[in-house]
Amino acid sequence: MPRRVSLPGADELFRSTATPKTLVPANPEEPGSSSGRVRHDEKITIYVTATELLAVEQARLKLRSELGKNVDRGRMVRAVLALALADLDEHGMDSALAQRLRDQ
């Protein structure tokens, strides 16, 4: 009996792991909708204060306990960003985002 291990071929080892375009939501730019758990090709980095991070974590835990879902920070940020952009699109310079930036 041979003791040689059978390994997958190079085609299987080096296959593309990119998500096909057909699996991307039909209208990802729809105002007020967040992308949820999908593969994201772009990344941004933001810096927050310790107080801001604590507030985000407390909100995440509150959502987790009240919704019964494990909500990660990235999903929260995408949801909030979608809401802010929809508000800006609908209300323009009267949006909460514009007012907050104007007051800073």
N, C-alpha and C. Protein backbone atom coordinates (compact mmCIF):
# COMPACT_ATOMS: atom_id res chain seq x y z
N MET A 1 0.85 -1.18 0.00
CA MET A 1 0.00 0.00 0.00
C MET A 1 0.90 1.25 0.00
N PRO A 2 0.71 2.16 -0.96
CA PRO A 2 1.57 3.35 -1.02
C PRO A 2 1.30 4.29 0.14
N ARG A 3 2.36 4.90 0.63
CA ARG A 3 2.23 5.85 1.74
C ARG A 3 2.35 7.29 1.24
N ARG A 4 2.29 7.45 -0.03
CA ARG A 4 2.42 8.78 -0.62
C ARG A 4 1.09 9.54 -0.46
N VAL A 5 1.17 10.79 -0.03
CA VAL A 5 -0.01 11.62 0.16
C VAL A 5 -0.38 12.26 -1.17
N SER A 6 -1.64 12.27 -1.50
CA SER A 6 -2.12 12.90 -2.72
C SER A 6 -2.45 14.36 -2.43
N LEU A 7 -1.82 15.27 -3.15
CA LEU A 7 -2.05 16.70 -2.96
C LEU A 7 -2.84 17.26 -4.13
N PRO A 8 -3.58 18.35 -3.89
CA PRO A 8 -4.31 18.97 -5.00
C PRO A 8 -3.34 19.56 -6.01
N GLY A 9 -3.80 19.73 -7.23
CA GLY A 9 -2.97 20.29 -8.29
C GLY A 9 -2.78 21.78 -8.14
N ALA A 10 -1.88 22.34 -8.93
CA ALA A 10 -1.56 23.77 -8.88
C ALA A 10 -2.78 24.63 -9.17
N ASP A 11 -3.65 24.18 -10.09
CA ASP A 11 -4.85 24.95 -10.42
C ASP A 11 -5.74 25.14 -9.19
N GLU A 12 -5.84 24.10 -8.37
CA GLU A 12 -6.67 24.20 -7.17
C GLU A 12 -5.99 25.05 -6.09
N LEU A 13 -4.67 24.89 -5.94
CA LEU A 13 -3.94 25.65 -4.92
C LEU A 13 -3.90 27.14 -5.21
N PHE A 14 -3.83 27.51 -6.48
CA PHE A 14 -3.67 28.91 -6.85
C PHE A 14 -4.91 29.48 -7.54
N ARG A 15 -6.07 28.95 -7.19
CA ARG A 15 -7.30 29.44 -7.80
C ARG A 15 -7.61 30.84 -7.29
N SER A 16 -8.39 31.58 -8.07
CA SER A 16 -8.79 32.93 -7.69
C SER A 16 -9.77 32.87 -6.54
N THR A 17 -9.59 33.73 -5.55
CA THR A 17 -10.52 33.79 -4.43
C THR A 17 -11.39 35.04 -4.49
N ALA A 18 -11.29 35.78 -5.59
CA ALA A 18 -12.09 36.99 -5.76
C ALA A 18 -13.56 36.62 -5.85
N THR A 19 -14.41 37.48 -5.30
CA THR A 19 -15.85 37.27 -5.35
C THR A 19 -16.35 37.63 -6.75
N PRO A 20 -17.10 36.74 -7.38
CA PRO A 20 -17.66 37.08 -8.69
C PRO A 20 -18.58 38.28 -8.59
N LYS A 21 -18.61 39.11 -9.62
CA LYS A 21 -19.45 40.32 -9.62
C LYS A 21 -20.92 40.00 -9.41
N THR A 22 -21.37 38.81 -9.76
CA THR A 22 -22.78 38.46 -9.62
C THR A 22 -23.20 38.31 -8.16
N LEU A 23 -22.23 38.15 -7.24
CA LEU A 23 -22.57 38.01 -5.83
C LEU A 23 -22.61 39.34 -5.10
N VAL A 24 -22.17 40.41 -5.74
CA VAL A 24 -22.19 41.74 -5.14
C VAL A 24 -23.63 42.24 -5.18
N PRO A 25 -24.11 42.92 -4.14
CA PRO A 25 -25.48 43.42 -4.15
C PRO A 25 -25.76 44.23 -5.41
N ALA A 26 -27.00 44.14 -5.90
CA ALA A 26 -27.37 44.78 -7.16
C ALA A 26 -27.13 46.28 -7.17
N ASN A 27 -27.38 46.95 -6.05
CA ASN A 27 -27.21 48.40 -6.01
C ASN A 27 -26.50 48.79 -4.73
N PRO A 28 -25.17 48.59 -4.65
CA PRO A 28 -24.46 48.84 -3.39
C PRO A 28 -24.42 50.30 -3.00
N GLU A 29 -24.68 51.22 -3.93
CA GLU A 29 -24.64 52.65 -3.61
C GLU A 29 -25.99 53.18 -3.16
N GLU A 30 -26.98 52.32 -2.98
CA GLU A 30 -28.30 52.76 -2.59
C GLU A 30 -28.22 53.50 -1.26
N PRO A 31 -28.68 54.75 -1.21
CA PRO A 31 -28.59 55.52 0.03
C PRO A 31 -29.33 54.84 1.17
N GLY A 32 -28.73 54.86 2.33
CA GLY A 32 -29.36 54.31 3.52
C GLY A 32 -29.16 52.82 3.71
N SER A 33 -28.49 52.16 2.77
CA SER A 33 -28.25 50.73 2.95
C SER A 33 -26.78 50.50 3.23
N SER A 34 -26.49 49.62 4.15
CA SER A 34 -25.10 49.29 4.41
C SER A 34 -24.77 47.98 3.71
N SER A 35 -23.53 47.72 3.52
CA SER A 35 -23.13 46.58 2.73
C SER A 35 -23.16 45.26 3.49
N GLY A 36 -23.21 45.30 4.82
CA GLY A 36 -23.25 44.05 5.57
C GLY A 36 -21.97 43.26 5.42
N ARG A 37 -22.08 41.93 5.47
CA ARG A 37 -20.90 41.08 5.43
C ARG A 37 -20.63 40.62 4.00
N VAL A 38 -19.93 41.44 3.27
CA VAL A 38 -19.49 41.09 1.93
C VAL A 38 -18.01 41.42 1.84
N ARG A 39 -17.37 40.90 0.82
CA ARG A 39 -15.95 41.19 0.64
C ARG A 39 -15.80 42.64 0.17
N HIS A 40 -14.89 43.37 0.80
CA HIS A 40 -14.65 44.76 0.44
C HIS A 40 -13.25 44.87 -0.14
N ASP A 41 -13.15 45.55 -1.26
CA ASP A 41 -11.87 45.69 -1.95
C ASP A 41 -11.07 46.90 -1.50
N GLU A 42 -11.72 47.85 -0.89
CA GLU A 42 -11.05 49.08 -0.48
C GLU A 42 -11.01 49.17 1.05
N LYS A 43 -10.01 49.88 1.55
CA LYS A 43 -9.85 50.01 3.00
C LYS A 43 -9.48 51.44 3.32
N ILE A 44 -10.02 51.93 4.43
CA ILE A 44 -9.61 53.23 4.96
C ILE A 44 -9.22 53.02 6.42
N THR A 45 -8.38 53.88 6.91
CA THR A 45 -7.98 53.83 8.31
C THR A 45 -8.36 55.15 8.94
N ILE A 46 -8.99 55.10 10.10
CA ILE A 46 -9.31 56.31 10.83
C ILE A 46 -8.71 56.21 12.23
N TYR A 47 -8.42 57.34 12.80
CA TYR A 47 -7.91 57.40 14.16
C TYR A 47 -8.99 58.03 15.03
N VAL A 48 -9.23 57.43 16.18
CA VAL A 48 -10.24 57.92 17.11
C VAL A 48 -9.61 58.07 18.49
N THR A 49 -10.26 58.87 19.31
CA THR A 49 -9.79 59.03 20.68
C THR A 49 -10.22 57.81 21.49
N ALA A 50 -9.65 57.67 22.65
CA ALA A 50 -10.01 56.57 23.53
C ALA A 50 -11.48 56.66 23.91
N THR A 51 -11.99 57.86 24.11
CA THR A 51 -13.39 58.07 24.46
C THR A 51 -14.31 57.65 23.32
N GLU A 52 -13.93 58.01 22.08
CA GLU A 52 -14.73 57.62 20.91
C GLU A 52 -14.74 56.11 20.74
N LEU A 53 -13.59 55.48 20.92
CA LEU A 53 -13.52 54.03 20.78
C LEU A 53 -14.36 53.34 21.85
N LEU A 54 -14.32 53.84 23.06
CA LEU A 54 -15.14 53.28 24.14
C LEU A 54 -16.63 53.42 23.80
N ALA A 55 -17.03 54.56 23.25
CA ALA A 55 -18.43 54.77 22.87
C ALA A 55 -18.84 53.80 21.76
N VAL A 56 -17.95 53.56 20.80
CA VAL A 56 -18.24 52.62 19.72
C VAL A 56 -18.40 51.21 20.29
N GLU A 57 -17.51 50.83 21.18
CA GLU A 57 -17.59 49.49 21.77
C GLU A 57 -18.85 49.32 22.61
N GLN A 58 -19.22 50.36 23.37
CA GLN A 58 -20.44 50.29 24.17
C GLN A 58 -21.67 50.17 23.27
N ALA A 59 -21.69 50.92 22.17
CA ALA A 59 -22.80 50.83 21.21
C ALA A 59 -22.83 49.45 20.57
N ARG A 60 -21.68 48.90 20.23
CA ARG A 60 -21.60 47.58 19.62
C ARG A 60 -22.16 46.51 20.57
N LEU A 61 -21.78 46.60 21.83
CA LEU A 61 -22.27 45.64 22.82
C LEU A 61 -23.77 45.80 23.07
N LYS A 62 -24.25 47.04 23.06
CA LYS A 62 -25.69 47.28 23.23
C LYS A 62 -26.46 46.68 22.06
N LEU A 63 -25.98 46.92 20.84
CA LEU A 63 -26.63 46.34 19.67
C LEU A 63 -26.59 44.81 19.72
N ARG A 64 -25.46 44.28 20.15
CA ARG A 64 -25.33 42.83 20.24
C ARG A 64 -26.34 42.25 21.23
N SER A 65 -26.49 42.90 22.39
CA SER A 65 -27.40 42.36 23.41
C SER A 65 -28.86 42.56 23.02
N GLU A 66 -29.19 43.68 22.40
CA GLU A 66 -30.60 43.96 22.09
C GLU A 66 -31.05 43.37 20.75
N LEU A 67 -30.13 43.25 19.80
CA LEU A 67 -30.49 42.66 18.50
C LEU A 67 -30.26 41.15 18.47
N GLY A 68 -29.42 40.69 19.37
CA GLY A 68 -29.09 39.27 19.37
C GLY A 68 -28.18 38.88 18.23
N LYS A 69 -27.47 39.85 17.66
CA LYS A 69 -26.55 39.59 16.55
C LYS A 69 -25.17 40.08 16.93
N ASN A 70 -24.16 39.37 16.46
CA ASN A 70 -22.78 39.81 16.67
C ASN A 70 -22.46 40.88 15.63
N VAL A 71 -22.44 42.13 16.05
CA VAL A 71 -22.19 43.26 15.15
C VAL A 71 -20.75 43.70 15.34
N ASP A 72 -19.96 43.67 14.25
CA ASP A 72 -18.57 44.11 14.37
C ASP A 72 -18.47 45.61 14.08
N ARG A 73 -17.34 46.19 14.44
CA ARG A 73 -17.15 47.64 14.27
C ARG A 73 -17.22 48.07 12.81
N GLY A 74 -16.65 47.26 11.93
CA GLY A 74 -16.68 47.61 10.50
C GLY A 74 -18.10 47.69 9.97
N ARG A 75 -18.92 46.74 10.37
CA ARG A 75 -20.32 46.74 9.93
C ARG A 75 -21.05 47.96 10.49
N MET A 76 -20.76 48.28 11.75
CA MET A 76 -21.37 49.48 12.35
C MET A 76 -20.97 50.74 11.59
N VAL A 77 -19.69 50.87 11.31
CA VAL A 77 -19.19 52.07 10.63
C VAL A 77 -19.82 52.18 9.24
N ARG A 78 -19.91 51.06 8.50
CA ARG A 78 -20.53 51.09 7.17
C ARG A 78 -22.00 51.49 7.25
N ALA A 79 -22.72 51.02 8.28
CA ALA A 79 -24.13 51.36 8.45
C ALA A 79 -24.29 52.85 8.75
N VAL A 80 -23.47 53.36 9.66
CA VAL A 80 -23.53 54.78 10.03
C VAL A 80 -23.14 55.66 8.84
N LEU A 81 -22.13 55.25 8.10
CA LEU A 81 -21.70 55.99 6.92
C LEU A 81 -22.83 56.05 5.88
N ALA A 82 -23.51 54.92 5.66
CA ALA A 82 -24.62 54.89 4.72
C ALA A 82 -25.74 55.84 5.15
N LEU A 83 -26.03 55.87 6.45
CA LEU A 83 -27.07 56.77 6.97
C LEU A 83 -26.67 58.22 6.79
N ALA A 84 -25.42 58.55 7.11
CA ALA A 84 -24.95 59.94 6.99
C ALA A 84 -24.97 60.39 5.53
N LEU A 85 -24.54 59.53 4.62
CA LEU A 85 -24.52 59.89 3.20
C LEU A 85 -25.93 60.03 2.64
N ALA A 86 -26.85 59.19 3.08
CA ALA A 86 -28.24 59.31 2.64
C ALA A 86 -28.85 60.61 3.14
N ASP A 87 -28.55 60.96 4.39
CA ASP A 87 -29.05 62.22 4.96
C ASP A 87 -28.46 63.42 4.21
N LEU A 88 -27.18 63.36 3.89
CA LEU A 88 -26.54 64.44 3.12
C LEU A 88 -27.16 64.55 1.74
N ASP A 89 -27.42 63.41 1.10
CA ASP A 89 -28.03 63.41 -0.23
C ASP A 89 -29.43 64.01 -0.18
N GLU A 90 -30.19 63.70 0.86
CA GLU A 90 -31.57 64.17 0.96
C GLU A 90 -31.68 65.61 1.43
N HIS A 91 -30.84 66.00 2.39
CA HIS A 91 -30.99 67.33 3.01
C HIS A 91 -29.86 68.30 2.66
N GLY A 92 -28.86 67.86 1.98
CA GLY A 92 -27.77 68.76 1.57
C GLY A 92 -27.09 69.41 2.76
N MET A 93 -26.94 70.73 2.71
CA MET A 93 -26.24 71.45 3.77
C MET A 93 -27.03 71.54 5.07
N ASP A 94 -28.28 71.09 5.05
CA ASP A 94 -29.08 71.02 6.28
C ASP A 94 -28.97 69.65 6.95
N SER A 95 -28.19 68.75 6.38
CA SER A 95 -28.02 67.42 6.96
C SER A 95 -27.26 67.49 8.27
N ALA A 96 -27.41 66.45 9.08
CA ALA A 96 -26.69 66.39 10.36
C ALA A 96 -25.18 66.40 10.13
N LEU A 97 -24.72 65.72 9.09
CA LEU A 97 -23.28 65.69 8.79
C LEU A 97 -22.76 67.08 8.47
N ALA A 98 -23.43 67.80 7.60
CA ALA A 98 -22.99 69.15 7.23
C ALA A 98 -23.02 70.08 8.43
N GLN A 99 -24.07 69.99 9.25
CA GLN A 99 -24.16 70.84 10.44
C GLN A 99 -23.04 70.56 11.42
N ARG A 100 -22.74 69.27 11.62
CA ARG A 100 -21.69 68.90 12.56
C ARG A 100 -20.33 69.40 12.07
N LEU A 101 -20.05 69.23 10.78
CA LEU A 101 -18.77 69.69 10.22
C LEU A 101 -18.68 71.20 10.24
N ARG A 102 -19.79 71.87 10.03
CA ARG A 102 -19.81 73.34 10.07
C ARG A 102 -19.52 73.85 11.48
N ASP A 103 -20.01 73.13 12.48
CA ASP A 103 -19.84 73.57 13.88
C ASP A 103 -18.45 73.27 14.44
N GLN A 104 -17.67 72.46 13.75
CA GLN A 104 -16.33 72.11 14.27
C GLN A 104 -15.34 73.20 14.02
